[in-house]
């Protein structure tokens, strides 16, 4: 269920994401990469420092 919730929040089709991963096509970036990209648009201040 967490993958479903995460893909929904990122506005990615869960089924397309799973199909991309199983078939190893690689058209959809990893969820971690998408989260990092989207978080770069938000200013979190001193409470968050990227590694």
PDB file of N, CA and C in Angstrom:
ATOM      1  N   UNK A   1       0.811  -1.194   0.000  1.00  0.00           N
ATOM      2  CA  UNK A   1       0.000   0.000   0.000  1.00  0.00           C
ATOM      3  C   UNK A   1       0.857   1.262   0.000  1.00  0.00           C
ATOM      4  N   UNK A   2       2.053   1.221   0.544  1.00  0.00           N
ATOM      5  CA  UNK A   2       2.857   2.431   0.582  1.00  0.00           C
ATOM      6  C   UNK A   2       3.305   2.839  -0.818  1.00  0.00           C
ATOM      7  N   UNK A   3       3.584   1.876  -1.695  1.00  0.00           N
ATOM      8  CA  UNK A   3       3.926   2.222  -3.080  1.00  0.00           C
ATOM      9  C   UNK A   3       2.747   2.872  -3.788  1.00  0.00           C
ATOM     10  N   UNK A   4       1.558   2.367  -3.536  1.00  0.00           N
ATOM     11  CA  UNK A   4       0.359   2.949  -4.141  1.00  0.00           C
ATOM     12  C   UNK A   4       0.195   4.394  -3.665  1.00  0.00           C
ATOM     13  N   UNK A   5       0.341   4.622  -2.384  1.00  0.00           N
ATOM     14  CA  UNK A   5       0.191   5.963  -1.828  1.00  0.00           C
ATOM     15  C   UNK A   5       1.277   6.904  -2.344  1.00  0.00           C
ATOM     16  N   UNK A   6       2.504   6.419  -2.409  1.00  0.00           N
ATOM     17  CA  UNK A   6       3.608   7.251  -2.876  1.00  0.00           C
ATOM     18  C   UNK A   6       3.438   7.624  -4.335  1.00  0.00           C
ATOM     19  N   UNK A   7       3.113   6.658  -5.185  1.00  0.00           N
ATOM     20  CA  UNK A   7       2.929   6.973  -6.608  1.00  0.00           C
ATOM     21  C   UNK A   7       1.738   7.917  -6.788  1.00  0.00           C
ATOM     22  N   UNK A   8       0.709   7.745  -5.996  1.00  0.00           N
ATOM     23  CA  UNK A   8      -0.456   8.645  -6.085  1.00  0.00           C
ATOM     24  C   UNK A   8      -0.055  10.065  -5.719  1.00  0.00           C
ATOM     25  N   UNK A   9       0.718  10.225  -4.644  1.00  0.00           N
ATOM     26  CA  UNK A   9       1.147  11.556  -4.228  1.00  0.00           C
ATOM     27  C   UNK A   9       2.065  12.200  -5.265  1.00  0.00           C
ATOM     28  N   UNK A  10       2.849  11.381  -5.963  1.00  0.00           N
ATOM     29  CA  UNK A  10       3.758  11.896  -6.988  1.00  0.00           C
ATOM     30  C   UNK A  10       3.082  12.026  -8.348  1.00  0.00           C
ATOM     31  N   UNK A  11       1.790  11.689  -8.396  1.00  0.00           N
ATOM     32  CA  UNK A  11       0.988  11.763  -9.622  1.00  0.00           C
ATOM     33  C   UNK A  11       1.559  10.879 -10.729  1.00  0.00           C
ATOM     34  N   UNK A  12       1.946   9.655 -10.329  1.00  0.00           N
ATOM     35  CA  UNK A  12       2.455   8.644 -11.250  1.00  0.00           C
ATOM     36  C   UNK A  12       1.502   7.459 -11.196  1.00  0.00           C
ATOM     37  N   UNK A  13       1.237   6.856 -12.340  1.00  0.00           N
ATOM     38  CA  UNK A  13       0.395   5.671 -12.368  1.00  0.00           C
ATOM     39  C   UNK A  13       1.130   4.517 -11.697  1.00  0.00           C
ATOM     40  N   UNK A  14       0.523   3.929 -10.679  1.00  0.00           N
ATOM     41  CA  UNK A  14       1.139   2.803  -9.977  1.00  0.00           C
ATOM     42  C   UNK A  14       1.401   1.643 -10.932  1.00  0.00           C
ATOM     43  N   UNK A  15       0.404   1.324 -11.760  1.00  0.00           N
ATOM     44  CA  UNK A  15       0.536   0.180 -12.656  1.00  0.00           C
ATOM     45  C   UNK A  15       1.603   0.416 -13.726  1.00  0.00           C
ATOM     46  N   UNK A  16       1.693   1.642 -14.240  1.00  0.00           N
ATOM     47  CA  UNK A  16       2.741   1.937 -15.210  1.00  0.00           C
ATOM     48  C   UNK A  16       4.118   1.885 -14.546  1.00  0.00           C
ATOM     49  N   UNK A  17       4.206   2.356 -13.300  1.00  0.00           N
ATOM     50  CA  UNK A  17       5.474   2.308 -12.578  1.00  0.00           C
ATOM     51  C   UNK A  17       5.918   0.855 -12.364  1.00  0.00           C
ATOM     52  N   UNK A  18       5.007   0.004 -11.922  1.00  0.00           N
ATOM     53  CA  UNK A  18       5.338  -1.408 -11.690  1.00  0.00           C
ATOM     54  C   UNK A  18       5.713  -2.088 -13.003  1.00  0.00           C
ATOM     55  N   UNK A  19       4.951  -1.802 -14.073  1.00  0.00           N
ATOM     56  CA  UNK A  19       5.266  -2.388 -15.383  1.00  0.00           C
ATOM     57  C   UNK A  19       6.648  -1.949 -15.845  1.00  0.00           C
ATOM     58  N   UNK A  20       6.995  -0.684 -15.636  1.00  0.00           N
ATOM     59  CA  UNK A  20       8.306  -0.163 -16.013  1.00  0.00           C
ATOM     60  C   UNK A  20       9.413  -0.869 -15.236  1.00  0.00           C
ATOM     61  N   UNK A  21       9.178  -1.120 -13.950  1.00  0.00           N
ATOM     62  CA  UNK A  21      10.188  -1.788 -13.126  1.00  0.00           C
ATOM     63  C   UNK A  21      10.345  -3.263 -13.495  1.00  0.00           C
ATOM     64  N   UNK A  22       9.233  -3.958 -13.703  1.00  0.00           N
ATOM     65  CA  UNK A  22       9.294  -5.388 -14.013  1.00  0.00           C
ATOM     66  C   UNK A  22       9.929  -5.617 -15.382  1.00  0.00           C
ATOM     67  N   UNK A  23       9.540  -4.806 -16.362  1.00  0.00           N
ATOM     68  CA  UNK A  23      10.074  -4.976 -17.717  1.00  0.00           C
ATOM     69  C   UNK A  23      11.451  -4.342 -17.875  1.00  0.00           C
ATOM     70  N   UNK A  24      11.906  -3.593 -16.875  1.00  0.00           N
ATOM     71  CA  UNK A  24      13.210  -2.927 -16.859  1.00  0.00           C
ATOM     72  C   UNK A  24      13.383  -1.979 -18.045  1.00  0.00           C
ATOM     73  N   UNK A  25      12.299  -1.297 -18.399  1.00  0.00           N
ATOM     74  CA  UNK A  25      12.348  -0.327 -19.490  1.00  0.00           C
ATOM     75  C   UNK A  25      13.128   0.917 -19.064  1.00  0.00           C
ATOM     76  N   UNK A  26      12.831   1.437 -17.885  1.00  0.00           N
ATOM     77  CA  UNK A  26      13.547   2.593 -17.356  1.00  0.00           C
ATOM     78  C   UNK A  26      13.023   3.929 -17.831  1.00  0.00           C
ATOM     79  N   UNK A  27      11.802   3.997 -18.324  1.00  0.00           N
ATOM     80  CA  UNK A  27      11.231   5.269 -18.754  1.00  0.00           C
ATOM     81  C   UNK A  27      10.844   6.140 -17.571  1.00  0.00           C
ATOM     82  N   UNK A  28      10.478   5.522 -16.468  1.00  0.00           N
ATOM     83  CA  UNK A  28      10.099   6.261 -15.266  1.00  0.00           C
ATOM     84  C   UNK A  28      11.270   6.201 -14.286  1.00  0.00           C
ATOM     85  N   UNK A  29      11.752   7.366 -13.835  1.00  0.00           N
ATOM     86  CA  UNK A  29      12.856   7.369 -12.867  1.00  0.00           C
ATOM     87  C   UNK A  29      12.441   6.699 -11.561  1.00  0.00           C
ATOM     88  N   UNK A  30      13.419   6.375 -10.737  1.00  0.00           N
ATOM     89  CA  UNK A  30      13.112   5.766  -9.437  1.00  0.00           C
ATOM     90  C   UNK A  30      12.316   6.759  -8.593  1.00  0.00           C
ATOM     91  N   UNK A  31      11.540   6.229  -7.661  1.00  0.00           N
ATOM     92  CA  UNK A  31      10.744   7.100  -6.801  1.00  0.00           C
ATOM     93  C   UNK A  31      11.642   8.037  -5.992  1.00  0.00           C
ATOM     94  N   UNK A  32      12.790   7.538  -5.563  1.00  0.00           N
ATOM     95  CA  UNK A  32      13.734   8.380  -4.818  1.00  0.00           C
ATOM     96  C   UNK A  32      14.198   9.571  -5.639  1.00  0.00           C
ATOM     97  N   UNK A  33      14.490   9.334  -6.919  1.00  0.00           N
ATOM     98  CA  UNK A  33      14.929  10.422  -7.797  1.00  0.00           C
ATOM     99  C   UNK A  33      13.810  11.439  -8.006  1.00  0.00           C
ATOM    100  N   UNK A  34      12.593  10.956  -8.153  1.00  0.00           N
ATOM    101  CA  UNK A  34      11.454  11.858  -8.353  1.00  0.00           C
ATOM    102  C   UNK A  34      11.209  12.686  -7.093  1.00  0.00           C
ATOM    103  N   UNK A  35      11.306  12.049  -5.928  1.00  0.00           N
ATOM    104  CA  UNK A  35      11.107  12.762  -4.664  1.00  0.00           C
ATOM    105  C   UNK A  35      12.183  13.821  -4.483  1.00  0.00           C
ATOM    106  N   UNK A  36      13.449  13.472  -4.763  1.00  0.00           N
ATOM    107  CA  UNK A  36      14.535  14.456  -4.646  1.00  0.00           C
ATOM    108  C   UNK A  36      14.314  15.629  -5.598  1.00  0.00           C
ATOM    109  N   UNK A  37      13.885  15.334  -6.814  1.00  0.00           N
ATOM    110  CA  UNK A  37      13.642  16.389  -7.797  1.00  0.00           C
ATOM    111  C   UNK A  37      12.531  17.326  -7.334  1.00  0.00           C
ATOM    112  N   UNK A  38      11.427  16.752  -6.877  1.00  0.00           N
ATOM    113  CA  UNK A  38      10.302  17.575  -6.436  1.00  0.00           C
ATOM    114  C   UNK A  38      10.636  18.344  -5.163  1.00  0.00           C
ATOM    115  N   UNK A  39      11.445  17.772  -4.285  1.00  0.00           N
ATOM    116  CA  UNK A  39      11.785  18.466  -3.044  1.00  0.00           C
ATOM    117  C   UNK A  39      12.757  19.611  -3.292  1.00  0.00           C
ATOM    118  N   UNK A  40      13.469  19.587  -4.416  1.00  0.00           N
ATOM    119  CA  UNK A  40      14.409  20.670  -4.710  1.00  0.00           C
ATOM    120  C   UNK A  40      13.676  21.974  -4.989  1.00  0.00           C
ATOM    121  N   UNK A  41      12.385  21.904  -5.294  1.00  0.00           N
ATOM    122  CA  UNK A  41      11.593  23.097  -5.553  1.00  0.00           C
ATOM    123  C   UNK A  41      11.062  23.721  -4.270  1.00  0.00           C
ATOM    124  N   UNK A  42      11.184  23.027  -3.143  1.00  0.00           N
ATOM    125  CA  UNK A  42      10.688  23.514  -1.854  1.00  0.00           C
ATOM    126  C   UNK A  42      11.856  23.962  -0.988  1.00  0.00           C
ATOM    127  N   UNK A  43      11.662  25.061  -0.300  1.00  0.00           N
ATOM    128  CA  UNK A  43      12.681  25.545   0.624  1.00  0.00           C
ATOM    129  C   UNK A  43      12.345  25.029   2.019  1.00  0.00           C
ATOM    130  N   UNK A  44      13.188  24.128   2.536  1.00  0.00           N
ATOM    131  CA  UNK A  44      12.947  23.561   3.859  1.00  0.00           C
ATOM    132  C   UNK A  44      13.743  24.271   4.942  1.00  0.00           C
ATOM    133  N   UNK A  45      14.554  25.214   4.577  1.00  0.00           N
ATOM    134  CA  UNK A  45      15.336  25.972   5.549  1.00  0.00           C
ATOM    135  C   UNK A  45      16.435  25.132   6.187  1.00  0.00           C
ATOM    136  N   UNK A  46      16.827  25.504   7.379  1.00  0.00           N
ATOM    137  CA  UNK A  46      17.928  24.842   8.078  1.00  0.00           C
ATOM    138  C   UNK A  46      17.563  23.453   8.588  1.00  0.00           C
ATOM    139  N   UNK A  47      16.285  23.129   8.611  1.00  0.00           N
ATOM    140  CA  UNK A  47      15.874  21.844   9.175  1.00  0.00           C
ATOM    141  C   UNK A  47      16.187  20.685   8.241  1.00  0.00           C
ATOM    142  N   UNK A  48      16.541  20.988   6.988  1.00  0.00           N
ATOM    143  CA  UNK A  48      16.794  19.922   6.021  1.00  0.00           C
ATOM    144  C   UNK A  48      18.011  20.286   5.193  1.00  0.00           C
ATOM    145  N   UNK A  49      19.018  19.437   5.229  1.00  0.00           N
ATOM    146  CA  UNK A  49      20.214  19.659   4.435  1.00  0.00           C
ATOM    147  C   UNK A  49      20.445  18.419   3.592  1.00  0.00           C
ATOM    148  N   UNK A  50      20.444  18.552   2.252  1.00  0.00           N
ATOM    149  CA  UNK A  50      20.669  17.372   1.407  1.00  0.00           C
ATOM    150  C   UNK A  50      22.089  16.843   1.557  1.00  0.00           C
ATOM    151  N   UNK A  51      22.222  15.540   1.423  1.00  0.00           N
ATOM    152  CA  UNK A  51      23.547  14.919   1.544  1.00  0.00           C
ATOM    153  C   UNK A  51      24.232  14.844   0.214  1.00  0.00           C
TER     154      UNK A  51
END
